[in-house]
């Protein structure tokens, strides 16, 4: 089945949302894809006609088995591309998302497999997001917890960040935060959720938004590491 860029973008986004909820509304897709609700409804109906989603007005969208396979494959393509651009070509982690968005529709599955093989068949991309295997297995970090939910005194290793936003990632860079970096939660401001942390030996303050998007595992636990 030949799918166009729009088909693939929708299936990828539905797949990503299905990891969070089974109740995917067209309004949610509209916000995520930055398109009008009417355009989303039209596109979802086309995907349903192709047997890629089940859609019931006012109830939401669910991927069929075929749609699940396509959506998962697009996520795999995107994340392998991000890692290849980062580890092999040297792009910063705030640069790879946009480039991967452009490339993921043009590359073949064979090329993605070769890239993954060259990288050592990795489990996670430069942001710590899991890379689905060809067979559909999804790796997971052990004991992951959001920085915003950690108790004061917690020491954790950064294993994932939950935003690909360029400004967000540049802000983390400015604070010295990267994957595998150890962060200690020193104190928390209860009135606004800001946290005071130590990154290496440097004291700094994160807003609640930053803390809500940084995933840590305890330093005394063995997490799944990126190969």
Protein backbone atom coordinates (compact mmCIF):
# COMPACT_ATOMS: atom_id res chain seq x y z
CA UNK A 1 0.00 0.00 0.00
CA UNK A 2 1.39 3.38 -1.02
CA UNK A 3 0.81 6.08 1.57
CA UNK A 4 1.50 9.77 1.22
CA UNK A 5 3.29 11.99 3.71
CA UNK A 6 0.06 13.12 5.35
CA UNK A 7 -1.11 9.52 5.87
CA UNK A 8 2.20 8.62 7.50
CA UNK A 9 2.25 11.73 9.71
CA UNK A 10 -1.23 10.99 11.03
CA UNK A 11 -0.51 7.32 11.71
CA UNK A 12 2.72 8.18 13.50
CA UNK A 13 0.99 10.76 15.69
CA UNK A 14 -1.91 8.43 16.51
CA UNK A 15 0.59 5.71 17.40
CA UNK A 16 2.47 8.08 19.73
CA UNK A 17 -0.77 9.23 21.37
CA UNK A 18 -1.98 5.66 21.80
CA UNK A 19 0.92 5.11 24.19
CA UNK A 20 -0.74 7.64 26.51
CA UNK A 21 -4.45 6.97 25.99
CA UNK A 22 -6.85 4.79 24.04
CA UNK A 23 -9.30 7.68 23.75
CA UNK A 24 -7.78 9.74 20.93
CA UNK A 25 -10.04 12.59 19.91
CA UNK A 26 -9.81 14.45 16.61
CA UNK A 27 -9.39 17.64 18.67
CA UNK A 28 -6.25 16.16 20.22
CA UNK A 29 -4.87 15.31 16.78
CA UNK A 30 -5.72 18.80 15.58
CA UNK A 31 -3.65 20.34 18.38
CA UNK A 32 -0.72 17.94 17.92
CA UNK A 33 -0.54 18.31 14.14
CA UNK A 34 -1.45 22.01 14.07
CA UNK A 35 -4.22 21.56 11.51
CA UNK A 36 -7.90 22.43 11.63
CA UNK A 37 -10.40 20.01 13.23
CA UNK A 38 -12.25 19.78 9.91
CA UNK A 39 -9.04 18.74 8.10
CA UNK A 40 -8.35 16.12 10.76
CA UNK A 41 -11.83 14.64 10.43
CA UNK A 42 -11.47 14.49 6.66
CA UNK A 43 -8.08 12.78 6.85
CA UNK A 44 -9.18 10.31 9.51
CA UNK A 45 -12.12 9.26 7.33
CA UNK A 46 -9.68 8.60 4.48
CA UNK A 47 -7.50 6.48 6.76
CA UNK A 48 -10.57 4.55 7.88
CA UNK A 49 -11.47 3.86 4.25
CA UNK A 50 -7.98 2.41 3.79
CA UNK A 51 -8.43 0.11 6.77
CA UNK A 52 -5.77 1.89 8.82
CA UNK A 53 -7.95 3.27 11.62
CA UNK A 54 -11.32 2.70 13.20
CA UNK A 55 -13.12 6.02 13.55
CA UNK A 56 -16.43 6.80 15.23
CA UNK A 57 -17.56 10.44 15.27
CA UNK A 58 -17.47 11.99 18.75
CA UNK A 59 -15.80 8.86 20.15
CA UNK A 60 -12.29 8.95 18.70
CA UNK A 61 -9.73 7.12 16.60
CA UNK A 62 -8.11 3.72 17.10
CA UNK A 63 -5.41 2.18 14.92
CA UNK A 64 -6.17 -1.11 13.22
CA UNK A 65 -3.46 -3.79 13.22
CA UNK A 66 -2.27 -2.51 9.84
CA UNK A 67 -2.32 1.09 11.03
CA UNK A 68 -0.42 0.09 14.17
CA UNK A 69 2.30 -1.50 12.03
CA UNK A 70 2.66 1.57 9.82
CA UNK A 71 2.62 4.01 12.76
CA UNK A 72 5.21 2.00 14.69
CA UNK A 73 7.43 1.78 11.61
CA UNK A 74 7.31 5.56 11.16
CA UNK A 75 8.33 6.05 14.79
CA UNK A 76 11.19 3.59 14.28
CA UNK A 77 12.32 5.43 11.14
CA UNK A 78 12.22 8.80 12.87
CA UNK A 79 14.17 7.73 15.94
CA UNK A 80 16.81 5.75 14.06
CA UNK A 81 17.32 8.76 11.81
CA UNK A 82 17.64 11.07 14.81
CA UNK A 83 20.30 8.86 16.35
CA UNK A 84 22.21 8.48 13.08
CA UNK A 85 22.19 12.24 12.54
CA UNK A 86 23.39 12.77 16.11
CA UNK A 87 25.93 9.99 16.59
CA UNK A 88 27.32 9.67 13.06
CA UNK A 89 26.85 13.11 11.50
CA UNK A 90 27.32 15.10 14.69
CA UNK A 91 24.11 17.14 14.74
CA UNK A 92 23.04 18.49 18.15
CA UNK A 93 20.08 16.88 19.88
CA UNK A 94 18.07 20.06 19.31
CA UNK A 95 18.69 19.83 15.53
CA UNK A 96 17.88 16.21 14.73
CA UNK A 97 14.09 16.23 15.10
CA UNK A 98 13.38 18.63 12.24
CA UNK A 99 15.82 16.89 9.91
CA UNK A 100 14.41 13.46 10.74
CA UNK A 101 10.89 14.77 10.03
CA UNK A 102 12.03 15.62 6.50
CA UNK A 103 13.88 12.37 5.86
CA UNK A 104 11.58 9.78 7.41
CA UNK A 105 9.20 9.77 4.43
CA UNK A 106 11.93 9.34 1.82
CA UNK A 107 14.16 6.58 3.20
CA UNK A 108 13.54 2.89 2.69
CA UNK A 109 13.17 0.29 5.42
CA UNK A 110 16.36 -1.30 4.09
CA UNK A 111 18.32 1.91 4.66
CA UNK A 112 16.88 2.31 8.17
CA UNK A 113 17.94 -1.27 8.94
CA UNK A 114 21.47 -0.52 7.71
CA UNK A 115 21.61 2.64 9.83
CA UNK A 116 20.41 0.74 12.90
CA UNK A 117 22.96 -2.00 12.26
CA UNK A 118 25.74 0.59 11.93
CA UNK A 119 24.65 2.10 15.26
CA UNK A 120 24.67 -1.30 16.96
CA UNK A 121 20.89 -1.82 16.87
CA UNK A 122 20.27 0.80 19.60
CA UNK A 123 17.29 0.88 21.92
CA UNK A 124 16.99 4.64 22.44
CA UNK A 125 17.34 7.82 20.37
CA UNK A 126 19.28 11.00 21.37
CA UNK A 127 16.41 12.13 23.61
CA UNK A 128 16.11 8.76 25.33
CA UNK A 129 12.92 7.85 23.46
CA UNK A 130 12.58 4.11 22.82
CA UNK A 131 13.20 2.80 19.31
CA UNK A 132 10.75 0.03 18.37
CA UNK A 133 12.43 -3.11 17.08
CA UNK A 134 11.55 -4.49 13.65
CA UNK A 135 9.40 -7.05 15.45
CA UNK A 136 7.56 -4.37 17.41
CA UNK A 137 9.21 -4.73 20.82
CA UNK A 138 9.49 -1.44 22.70
CA UNK A 139 12.41 -1.09 25.14
CA UNK A 140 11.86 0.68 28.45
CA UNK A 141 13.96 2.44 31.04
CA UNK A 142 13.83 0.92 34.51
CA UNK A 143 12.25 2.82 37.41
CA UNK A 144 11.88 6.05 35.46
CA UNK A 145 10.52 9.03 37.42
CA UNK A 146 9.93 12.66 36.47
CA UNK A 147 12.26 15.15 38.12
CA UNK A 148 9.18 17.10 39.25
CA UNK A 149 7.99 14.04 41.20
CA UNK A 150 11.30 13.17 42.87
CA UNK A 151 11.77 13.65 46.62
CA UNK A 152 14.28 16.22 47.84
CA UNK A 153 17.72 14.63 48.06
CA UNK A 154 17.06 12.30 45.12
CA UNK A 155 20.06 11.51 42.90
CA UNK A 156 19.15 10.32 39.42
CA UNK A 157 20.64 9.74 36.02
CA UNK A 158 18.92 11.45 33.07
CA UNK A 159 17.61 8.75 30.75
CA UNK A 160 14.97 10.61 28.75
CA UNK A 161 13.59 14.05 27.97
CA UNK A 162 9.95 14.28 26.91
CA UNK A 163 10.15 17.24 24.53
CA UNK A 164 11.85 17.71 21.19
CA UNK A 165 11.28 21.46 21.29
CA UNK A 166 14.44 23.28 20.16
CA UNK A 167 14.30 25.98 22.84
CA UNK A 168 13.66 23.37 25.54
CA UNK A 169 16.70 21.33 24.50
CA UNK A 170 18.91 24.40 24.19
CA UNK A 171 17.84 25.39 27.70
CA UNK A 172 18.89 21.98 29.01
CA UNK A 173 22.23 22.37 27.25
CA UNK A 174 22.71 25.74 28.93
CA UNK A 175 22.14 24.06 32.31
CA UNK A 176 24.53 21.22 31.49
CA UNK A 177 21.78 18.59 31.30
CA UNK A 178 22.24 15.67 28.91
CA UNK A 179 21.49 11.96 28.83
CA UNK A 180 23.53 9.99 31.39
CA UNK A 181 24.15 13.16 33.44
CA UNK A 182 23.51 12.85 37.18
CA UNK A 183 21.06 15.37 38.69
CA UNK A 184 20.48 15.87 42.42
CA UNK A 185 17.27 17.49 43.63
CA UNK A 186 18.37 19.94 46.33
CA UNK A 187 15.08 21.68 47.15
CA UNK A 188 11.64 22.53 45.77
CA UNK A 189 9.57 25.72 45.78
CA UNK A 190 6.10 24.53 46.65
CA UNK A 191 4.29 27.65 45.45
CA UNK A 192 5.32 27.32 41.78
CA UNK A 193 6.88 23.87 41.47
CA UNK A 194 10.35 25.16 40.55
CA UNK A 195 13.20 22.92 41.68
CA UNK A 196 16.76 23.69 42.72
CA UNK A 197 19.12 21.02 41.42
CA UNK A 198 22.78 20.19 41.27
CA UNK A 199 24.13 19.09 37.88
CA UNK A 200 27.65 17.80 38.44
CA UNK A 201 28.81 20.46 40.93
CA UNK A 202 26.72 23.27 39.48
CA UNK A 203 23.65 24.57 41.30
CA UNK A 204 20.79 25.77 39.09
CA UNK A 205 17.02 26.23 39.10
CA UNK A 206 14.50 24.55 36.78
CA UNK A 207 10.92 25.65 36.20
CA UNK A 208 8.20 23.08 36.76
CA UNK A 209 7.85 22.77 32.98
CA UNK A 210 11.48 21.69 32.67
CA UNK A 211 11.18 19.34 35.63
CA UNK A 212 8.01 17.81 34.14
CA UNK A 213 9.94 16.78 31.03
CA UNK A 214 13.09 15.20 32.48
CA UNK A 215 13.04 11.47 33.33
CA UNK A 216 15.55 10.06 35.81
CA UNK A 217 16.44 6.65 37.19
CA UNK A 218 18.04 6.32 40.63
CA UNK A 219 21.83 6.24 40.41
CA UNK A 220 21.90 3.06 42.48
CA UNK A 221 19.66 1.23 40.01
CA UNK A 222 20.73 -0.40 36.78
CA UNK A 223 18.67 1.07 33.96
CA UNK A 224 18.54 0.02 30.33
CA UNK A 225 21.34 1.97 28.68
CA UNK A 226 21.55 3.24 25.13
CA UNK A 227 23.99 1.19 23.09
